């Protein structure tokens, strides 16, 4: 008879340090710097959709 088991050292299990929150002041400064660099570009993400695009979305939502 063959004995089988699952290892407790599975590589897919989360490690205790995987989910630690960022509390480092330097990390906060890096996040703020990144945001400041992209802040001016965020407005360019706002787009005015064409009527054709809106109609396609509406047609798709009605088909569900």
C-alpha atoms as a PDB file:
ATOM      1  CA  UNK A   1       0.000   0.000   0.000  1.00  0.00           C
ATOM      2  CA  UNK A   2       1.248   3.500  -0.879  1.00  0.00           C
ATOM      3  CA  UNK A   3       0.989   6.326   1.618  1.00  0.00           C
ATOM      4  CA  UNK A   4       0.362   9.800   0.174  1.00  0.00           C
ATOM      5  CA  UNK A   5       0.284  13.167   1.841  1.00  0.00           C
ATOM      6  CA  UNK A   6       0.436  16.865   1.107  1.00  0.00           C
ATOM      7  CA  UNK A   7       3.424  18.862   2.234  1.00  0.00           C
ATOM      8  CA  UNK A   8       2.795  21.686   4.692  1.00  0.00           C
ATOM      9  CA  UNK A   9       5.577  23.626   2.975  1.00  0.00           C
ATOM     10  CA  UNK A  10       3.509  24.209  -0.144  1.00  0.00           C
ATOM     11  CA  UNK A  11       4.900  26.997  -2.327  1.00  0.00           C
ATOM     12  CA  UNK A  12       1.377  28.284  -3.011  1.00  0.00           C
ATOM     13  CA  UNK A  13       0.636  29.059   0.619  1.00  0.00           C
ATOM     14  CA  UNK A  14       1.014  32.711   1.624  1.00  0.00           C
ATOM     15  CA  UNK A  15       3.952  33.540   3.807  1.00  0.00           C
ATOM     16  CA  UNK A  16       3.480  35.741   6.895  1.00  0.00           C
ATOM     17  CA  UNK A  17       5.328  38.698   5.336  1.00  0.00           C
ATOM     18  CA  UNK A  18       3.347  38.629   2.078  1.00  0.00           C
ATOM     19  CA  UNK A  19       0.533  40.823   3.338  1.00  0.00           C
ATOM     20  CA  UNK A  20       2.312  43.315   5.540  1.00  0.00           C
ATOM     21  CA  UNK A  21       1.017  46.864   5.054  1.00  0.00           C
ATOM     22  CA  UNK A  22       3.377  49.545   3.845  1.00  0.00           C
ATOM     23  CA  UNK A  23       4.268  51.569   6.931  1.00  0.00           C
ATOM     24  CA  UNK A  24       7.616  52.863   5.793  1.00  0.00           C
ATOM     25  CA  UNK A  25       7.781  56.663   5.475  1.00  0.00           C
ATOM     26  CA  UNK A  26      10.040  56.312   2.455  1.00  0.00           C
ATOM     27  CA  UNK A  27       7.424  54.153   0.747  1.00  0.00           C
ATOM     28  CA  UNK A  28       4.767  56.809   1.351  1.00  0.00           C
ATOM     29  CA  UNK A  29       7.074  59.412  -0.146  1.00  0.00           C
ATOM     30  CA  UNK A  30       7.629  57.209  -3.199  1.00  0.00           C
ATOM     31  CA  UNK A  31       3.880  56.785  -3.647  1.00  0.00           C
ATOM     32  CA  UNK A  32       3.327  60.547  -3.357  1.00  0.00           C
ATOM     33  CA  UNK A  33       6.094  61.230  -5.869  1.00  0.00           C
ATOM     34  CA  UNK A  34       4.601  58.740  -8.325  1.00  0.00           C
ATOM     35  CA  UNK A  35       1.150  60.316  -7.958  1.00  0.00           C
ATOM     36  CA  UNK A  36       2.568  63.805  -8.481  1.00  0.00           C
ATOM     37  CA  UNK A  37       4.243  62.606 -11.685  1.00  0.00           C
ATOM     38  CA  UNK A  38       1.040  61.170 -13.173  1.00  0.00           C
ATOM     39  CA  UNK A  39      -1.459  63.690 -11.784  1.00  0.00           C
ATOM     40  CA  UNK A  40      -1.231  66.006 -14.794  1.00  0.00           C
ATOM     41  CA  UNK A  41      -1.777  63.099 -17.188  1.00  0.00           C
ATOM     42  CA  UNK A  42      -4.913  61.775 -15.497  1.00  0.00           C
ATOM     43  CA  UNK A  43      -7.117  64.380 -17.181  1.00  0.00           C
ATOM     44  CA  UNK A  44      -6.113  63.041 -20.584  1.00  0.00           C
ATOM     45  CA  UNK A  45      -7.722  59.724 -19.653  1.00  0.00           C
ATOM     46  CA  UNK A  46     -11.168  61.329 -19.674  1.00  0.00           C
ATOM     47  CA  UNK A  47     -12.652  60.820 -23.107  1.00  0.00           C
ATOM     48  CA  UNK A  48     -15.794  61.905 -24.857  1.00  0.00           C
ATOM     49  CA  UNK A  49     -17.300  58.715 -26.332  1.00  0.00           C
ATOM     50  CA  UNK A  50     -18.798  58.776 -29.801  1.00  0.00           C
ATOM     51  CA  UNK A  51     -22.487  58.057 -30.291  1.00  0.00           C
ATOM     52  CA  UNK A  52     -21.581  54.818 -32.082  1.00  0.00           C
ATOM     53  CA  UNK A  53     -19.709  53.592 -29.026  1.00  0.00           C
ATOM     54  CA  UNK A  54     -22.624  54.397 -26.730  1.00  0.00           C
ATOM     55  CA  UNK A  55     -25.038  52.607 -29.057  1.00  0.00           C
ATOM     56  CA  UNK A  56     -22.837  49.495 -29.111  1.00  0.00           C
ATOM     57  CA  UNK A  57     -22.717  49.442 -25.311  1.00  0.00           C
ATOM     58  CA  UNK A  58     -26.478  49.870 -25.058  1.00  0.00           C
ATOM     59  CA  UNK A  59     -27.108  47.135 -27.639  1.00  0.00           C
ATOM     60  CA  UNK A  60     -24.836  44.768 -25.779  1.00  0.00           C
ATOM     61  CA  UNK A  61     -26.488  45.482 -22.427  1.00  0.00           C
ATOM     62  CA  UNK A  62     -29.927  44.832 -23.937  1.00  0.00           C
ATOM     63  CA  UNK A  63     -28.792  41.507 -25.369  1.00  0.00           C
ATOM     64  CA  UNK A  64     -27.993  40.124 -21.911  1.00  0.00           C
END
